[in-house]
Structure formats: structure tokens, C-alpha cells
N, C-alpha and C. Protein backbone atom coordinates (compact mmCIF):
# COMPACT_ATOMS: atom_id res chain seq x y z
N MET A 1 56.86 42.30 19.84
CA MET A 1 57.86 42.07 20.74
C MET A 1 58.86 43.14 20.73
N TYR A 2 59.46 43.46 21.80
CA TYR A 2 60.52 44.48 21.97
C TYR A 2 61.82 43.89 21.93
N VAL A 3 62.67 44.48 21.02
CA VAL A 3 64.00 44.08 21.05
C VAL A 3 64.88 45.26 21.37
N ALA A 4 65.71 45.04 22.38
CA ALA A 4 66.63 46.18 22.88
C ALA A 4 67.62 46.54 21.87
N PRO A 5 67.87 47.75 21.59
CA PRO A 5 68.94 48.15 20.74
C PRO A 5 70.18 47.56 21.03
N THR A 6 71.01 47.06 20.11
CA THR A 6 72.31 46.53 20.21
C THR A 6 73.35 47.67 20.06
N PRO A 7 74.59 47.34 20.37
CA PRO A 7 75.60 48.35 20.09
C PRO A 7 75.66 48.78 18.53
N PHE A 8 75.19 47.79 17.69
CA PHE A 8 75.16 48.19 16.24
C PHE A 8 74.12 49.32 15.92
N ALA A 9 73.14 49.39 16.77
CA ALA A 9 72.13 50.37 16.61
C ALA A 9 72.48 51.61 17.38
N LEU A 10 73.20 51.39 18.54
CA LEU A 10 73.55 52.64 19.32
C LEU A 10 74.80 53.37 18.93
N ALA A 11 75.76 52.64 18.28
CA ALA A 11 76.97 53.34 17.87
C ALA A 11 77.02 53.35 16.47
N GLU A 12 77.65 54.47 15.83
CA GLU A 12 77.98 54.57 14.43
C GLU A 12 79.43 54.19 14.22
N GLY A 13 79.53 53.62 13.02
CA GLY A 13 80.96 53.14 12.71
C GLY A 13 81.38 51.75 13.02
N THR A 14 80.37 50.95 13.53
CA THR A 14 80.67 49.62 13.84
C THR A 14 80.40 48.52 12.77
N ALA A 15 79.37 48.91 11.87
CA ALA A 15 78.91 48.00 10.85
C ALA A 15 80.12 47.58 9.90
N HIS A 16 80.01 46.30 9.68
CA HIS A 16 81.05 45.58 8.73
C HIS A 16 82.50 45.62 9.34
N HIS A 17 82.80 45.93 10.65
CA HIS A 17 83.99 45.97 11.22
C HIS A 17 84.02 45.26 12.64
N ARG A 18 85.03 44.59 12.94
CA ARG A 18 85.19 43.97 14.22
C ARG A 18 85.42 45.10 15.17
N THR A 19 84.58 45.26 16.13
CA THR A 19 84.79 46.37 17.10
C THR A 19 84.40 45.78 18.50
N LEU A 20 85.29 46.10 19.42
CA LEU A 20 85.20 45.67 20.83
C LEU A 20 84.92 46.97 21.64
N ILE A 21 83.75 46.91 22.36
CA ILE A 21 83.47 48.09 23.19
C ILE A 21 83.45 47.62 24.61
N LEU A 22 84.23 48.29 25.46
CA LEU A 22 84.39 47.96 26.85
C LEU A 22 84.32 49.16 27.76
N PRO A 23 84.08 48.95 28.94
CA PRO A 23 84.18 50.10 30.04
C PRO A 23 85.52 50.73 29.83
N ALA A 24 85.61 52.01 29.90
CA ALA A 24 86.89 52.73 29.72
C ALA A 24 87.95 52.31 30.56
N ASP A 25 87.76 51.82 31.80
CA ASP A 25 88.79 51.47 32.74
C ASP A 25 89.11 50.02 32.53
N HIS A 26 88.69 49.30 31.51
CA HIS A 26 89.19 47.87 31.24
C HIS A 26 90.35 47.95 30.38
N SER A 27 91.34 47.10 30.77
CA SER A 27 92.62 47.00 29.99
C SER A 27 92.46 46.03 28.79
N VAL A 28 93.16 46.38 27.79
CA VAL A 28 93.19 45.50 26.64
C VAL A 28 94.65 45.17 26.15
N PRO A 29 94.85 44.07 25.35
CA PRO A 29 96.17 43.85 24.89
C PRO A 29 96.76 44.82 23.97
N ARG A 30 98.01 44.89 23.74
CA ARG A 30 98.74 45.99 22.98
C ARG A 30 98.28 46.05 21.66
N ASN A 31 97.73 44.84 21.04
CA ASN A 31 97.37 44.78 19.59
C ASN A 31 96.01 45.35 19.31
N PHE A 32 95.39 46.05 20.30
CA PHE A 32 94.12 46.72 20.11
C PHE A 32 94.38 48.17 19.98
N ARG A 33 93.55 48.91 19.03
CA ARG A 33 93.76 50.26 18.92
C ARG A 33 92.43 50.92 19.15
N GLU A 34 92.49 52.00 19.90
CA GLU A 34 91.36 52.80 20.26
C GLU A 34 90.75 53.47 19.13
N VAL A 35 89.42 53.45 18.80
CA VAL A 35 88.79 54.09 17.72
C VAL A 35 87.63 54.94 18.12
N GLY A 36 87.39 55.10 19.49
CA GLY A 36 86.31 55.92 19.86
C GLY A 36 86.08 55.88 21.34
N THR A 37 85.57 56.93 21.86
CA THR A 37 85.11 57.05 23.31
C THR A 37 83.62 57.29 23.23
N LEU A 38 82.82 56.45 24.05
CA LEU A 38 81.43 56.53 24.08
C LEU A 38 80.98 56.82 25.51
N ARG A 39 80.10 57.97 25.64
CA ARG A 39 79.58 58.33 27.01
C ARG A 39 78.07 58.22 27.02
N ARG A 40 77.65 57.53 28.01
CA ARG A 40 76.26 57.35 28.19
C ARG A 40 75.74 57.82 29.60
N ARG A 41 74.84 58.65 29.57
CA ARG A 41 74.24 59.14 30.84
C ARG A 41 72.81 58.42 31.11
N GLU A 42 72.70 58.02 32.38
CA GLU A 42 71.49 57.29 32.81
C GLU A 42 70.32 58.24 32.82
N VAL A 43 69.17 57.70 32.29
CA VAL A 43 67.81 58.47 32.24
C VAL A 43 67.25 58.68 33.54
N ASP A 44 66.40 59.58 33.61
CA ASP A 44 65.65 59.95 34.75
C ASP A 44 64.72 58.81 35.34
N GLU A 45 64.07 58.11 34.45
CA GLU A 45 63.13 57.11 34.78
C GLU A 45 63.51 55.79 34.10
N VAL A 46 63.19 54.69 34.74
CA VAL A 46 63.32 53.25 34.20
C VAL A 46 62.08 52.52 34.31
N VAL A 47 61.98 51.49 33.60
CA VAL A 47 60.75 50.71 33.66
C VAL A 47 60.81 49.86 34.93
N GLY A 48 59.77 50.07 35.76
CA GLY A 48 59.64 49.28 36.97
C GLY A 48 58.89 48.00 36.89
N SER A 49 57.88 48.01 35.98
CA SER A 49 57.12 46.84 35.79
C SER A 49 56.37 46.87 34.53
N TYR A 50 55.88 45.72 34.02
CA TYR A 50 55.02 45.53 32.84
C TYR A 50 53.71 44.83 33.32
N SER A 51 52.73 45.14 32.61
CA SER A 51 51.43 44.42 32.76
C SER A 51 50.88 44.12 31.43
N PHE A 52 50.34 42.97 31.29
CA PHE A 52 49.86 42.50 29.93
C PHE A 52 48.40 42.16 30.07
N ASN A 53 47.38 42.72 29.32
CA ASN A 53 46.04 42.44 29.36
C ASN A 53 45.82 41.38 28.32
N LEU A 54 45.44 40.20 28.72
CA LEU A 54 45.17 39.07 27.71
C LEU A 54 43.96 39.36 26.88
N GLU A 55 42.96 40.10 27.47
CA GLU A 55 41.75 40.30 26.75
C GLU A 55 41.91 41.44 25.54
N THR A 56 42.62 42.49 25.90
CA THR A 56 42.79 43.51 24.93
C THR A 56 44.18 43.42 24.24
N ASN A 57 45.02 42.50 24.60
CA ASN A 57 46.35 42.35 23.98
C ASN A 57 47.18 43.55 24.12
N GLU A 58 47.07 44.30 25.28
CA GLU A 58 47.82 45.55 25.55
C GLU A 58 48.87 45.30 26.53
N LEU A 59 50.03 45.89 26.25
CA LEU A 59 51.28 45.79 27.15
C LEU A 59 51.36 47.21 27.76
N ASN A 60 51.37 47.35 29.13
CA ASN A 60 51.53 48.69 29.74
C ASN A 60 52.79 48.58 30.51
N THR A 61 53.45 49.70 30.61
CA THR A 61 54.62 49.79 31.47
C THR A 61 54.46 50.88 32.54
N THR A 62 55.11 50.60 33.74
CA THR A 62 55.08 51.63 34.82
C THR A 62 56.63 52.04 34.93
N ARG A 63 56.75 53.30 34.94
CA ARG A 63 58.15 53.76 35.06
C ARG A 63 58.36 54.31 36.50
N ILE A 64 59.51 54.08 37.02
CA ILE A 64 59.83 54.63 38.39
C ILE A 64 61.17 55.44 38.31
N PRO A 65 61.30 56.35 39.22
CA PRO A 65 62.65 57.14 39.24
C PRO A 65 63.84 56.23 39.23
N ASN A 66 64.87 56.59 38.48
CA ASN A 66 66.09 55.88 38.40
C ASN A 66 66.94 56.38 39.50
N PRO A 67 67.42 55.58 40.45
CA PRO A 67 68.22 56.01 41.60
C PRO A 67 69.58 56.50 41.11
N HIS A 68 69.89 56.10 39.83
CA HIS A 68 71.29 56.57 39.37
C HIS A 68 71.11 57.54 38.22
N ALA A 69 69.99 58.23 38.10
CA ALA A 69 69.85 59.24 37.09
C ALA A 69 70.98 60.18 37.01
N GLY A 70 71.49 60.50 35.79
CA GLY A 70 72.39 61.34 35.50
C GLY A 70 73.89 60.79 35.56
N ARG A 71 74.05 59.66 36.12
CA ARG A 71 75.35 59.00 36.29
C ARG A 71 75.87 58.83 34.74
N GLU A 72 77.09 59.07 34.53
CA GLU A 72 77.69 58.98 33.31
C GLU A 72 78.60 57.63 33.23
N HIS A 73 78.50 56.91 32.15
CA HIS A 73 79.43 55.65 31.95
C HIS A 73 80.08 55.97 30.62
N VAL A 74 81.40 55.65 30.78
CA VAL A 74 82.29 55.85 29.62
C VAL A 74 82.77 54.57 29.16
N PHE A 75 82.72 54.41 27.85
CA PHE A 75 83.27 53.25 27.16
C PHE A 75 84.20 53.53 26.21
N THR A 76 85.10 52.60 25.80
CA THR A 76 86.09 52.73 24.69
C THR A 76 85.91 51.71 23.71
N ALA A 77 85.99 52.23 22.42
CA ALA A 77 85.79 51.22 21.24
C ALA A 77 87.26 50.94 20.80
N TYR A 78 87.49 49.69 20.42
CA TYR A 78 88.78 49.16 20.02
C TYR A 78 88.65 48.35 18.66
N ARG A 79 89.71 48.35 17.96
CA ARG A 79 89.87 47.42 16.75
C ARG A 79 91.27 46.83 16.85
N LEU A 80 91.39 45.74 16.23
CA LEU A 80 92.70 45.05 16.21
C LEU A 80 93.57 45.69 15.20
N ASP A 81 94.91 45.57 15.47
CA ASP A 81 95.95 46.08 14.61
C ASP A 81 95.53 45.41 13.14
N GLY A 82 95.64 46.37 12.07
CA GLY A 82 95.32 45.88 10.73
C GLY A 82 93.96 46.12 10.36
N ASP A 83 93.05 46.33 11.21
CA ASP A 83 91.58 46.64 10.93
C ASP A 83 91.49 48.08 10.59
N PRO A 84 90.50 48.56 9.84
CA PRO A 84 90.23 49.91 9.66
C PRO A 84 90.06 50.76 11.02
N LEU A 85 90.61 51.87 11.06
CA LEU A 85 90.53 52.73 12.23
C LEU A 85 89.51 53.73 12.22
N ASP A 86 88.40 53.50 11.48
CA ASP A 86 87.29 54.43 11.31
C ASP A 86 86.74 54.72 12.64
N LEU A 87 86.31 55.99 12.94
CA LEU A 87 85.91 56.40 14.29
C LEU A 87 84.50 55.83 14.51
N VAL A 88 84.35 55.47 15.87
CA VAL A 88 83.12 54.92 16.36
C VAL A 88 82.64 56.00 17.34
N THR A 89 81.31 56.40 17.21
CA THR A 89 80.68 57.40 17.90
C THR A 89 79.34 56.89 18.40
N LEU A 90 78.84 57.43 19.54
CA LEU A 90 77.56 57.07 19.97
C LEU A 90 76.55 57.79 19.13
N GLN A 91 75.52 57.09 18.69
CA GLN A 91 74.48 57.64 17.80
C GLN A 91 73.68 58.68 18.68
N ASN A 92 73.18 59.69 17.93
CA ASN A 92 72.36 60.72 18.65
C ASN A 92 71.02 59.94 19.16
N CYS A 93 70.62 60.34 20.34
CA CYS A 93 69.37 59.87 20.96
C CYS A 93 68.15 60.02 20.24
N SER A 94 67.91 61.07 19.49
CA SER A 94 66.71 61.31 18.76
C SER A 94 66.84 60.40 17.53
N ALA A 95 67.99 60.04 16.99
CA ALA A 95 67.97 59.19 15.84
C ALA A 95 67.60 57.66 16.24
N ILE A 96 68.08 57.41 17.45
CA ILE A 96 67.78 56.11 17.95
C ILE A 96 66.30 55.92 18.16
N LEU A 97 65.70 56.84 18.90
CA LEU A 97 64.23 56.94 19.08
C LEU A 97 63.43 56.91 17.79
N SER A 98 63.94 57.73 16.80
CA SER A 98 63.18 57.75 15.55
C SER A 98 63.23 56.33 14.86
N GLU A 99 64.41 55.74 14.94
CA GLU A 99 64.41 54.31 14.38
C GLU A 99 63.51 53.39 15.00
N LEU A 100 63.55 53.45 16.45
CA LEU A 100 62.62 52.48 17.16
C LEU A 100 61.22 52.83 16.97
N ASN A 101 60.75 54.09 16.82
CA ASN A 101 59.38 54.39 16.45
C ASN A 101 59.03 53.92 15.15
N ARG A 102 59.87 54.04 14.16
CA ARG A 102 59.57 53.58 12.81
C ARG A 102 59.40 52.05 12.87
N ALA A 103 60.22 51.30 13.51
CA ALA A 103 60.09 49.80 13.59
C ALA A 103 58.80 49.44 14.26
N VAL A 104 58.50 50.22 15.29
CA VAL A 104 57.21 49.89 15.99
C VAL A 104 56.06 50.19 15.18
N ARG A 105 56.04 51.26 14.48
CA ARG A 105 54.93 51.68 13.56
C ARG A 105 54.73 50.49 12.44
N GLU A 106 55.82 50.13 11.90
CA GLU A 106 55.74 49.04 10.81
C GLU A 106 55.25 47.81 11.37
N GLY A 107 55.44 47.58 12.77
CA GLY A 107 54.97 46.32 13.39
C GLY A 107 53.53 46.50 13.90
N GLY A 108 52.98 47.67 13.63
CA GLY A 108 51.56 47.93 13.99
C GLY A 108 51.25 48.16 15.49
N GLU A 109 52.25 48.47 16.29
CA GLU A 109 52.11 48.67 17.68
C GLU A 109 52.16 50.13 18.02
N ASP A 110 51.90 50.57 19.24
CA ASP A 110 52.03 51.91 19.59
C ASP A 110 53.39 52.37 19.64
N VAL A 111 53.54 53.76 19.38
CA VAL A 111 54.85 54.36 19.20
C VAL A 111 55.53 54.36 20.60
N ILE A 112 56.87 54.06 20.72
CA ILE A 112 57.62 54.18 21.86
C ILE A 112 57.87 55.71 22.12
N GLY A 113 57.96 56.20 23.35
CA GLY A 113 58.30 57.54 23.52
C GLY A 113 58.56 57.89 24.84
């Protein structure tokens, strides 16, 4: 089973802290403090469909061009007054893929790539 990475896997500095991540243009109350800016760029291809073979137990994906490839999305990380102001950053893409590949290998499935 595939589980999409959560913000805890995609961002560093969120573990064990209350952290709110919102689109950068979203307003927040005055008792929130900014602790990071996260920028995400859309990939060239996205999954267009899945097919599953019941006889071989294989899941295959078909990728299609992403019509929004290269578009950047900016998010801001916040914490409440009184909470630690440790910096929140977006994790390196290769670190995320490495962790996903490790999890898949441990599950006995093909490596994501």
C-alpha cells in the first residue's frame, strides 16, 4: 500500500512542535509567528492512471505530462506565541525519495523512482 508523504516527512523542523503550514497568501491571527517559507515546484509528469493485475499482483502506473509543470507554490510555516521558533524547511527531494525507497524495499515491493 502506498502512503503519500505527510508534511512531517516533507518538512524538517516540524517534529514534536505544533506547526501550521498554509499557502503564503493566507492571513493568520497576530499570535502566530512565521518560522519558515517552503517553496514547491510542480513536477514534469503526474500519475494519470493505475492498473492492477489480479493474477500477478502487480500495480502499474501510467504517467502523463503535468499541464502545470514548473509552477511554484509558496507556503509559510507558523507557530503560536510561546512555542519554539525553530526553523522549518522543505526537505531535500533526494532525501524524501531515499526514505520512500527504503520503506518500499522493507515492504518487499518495487522501488519508487
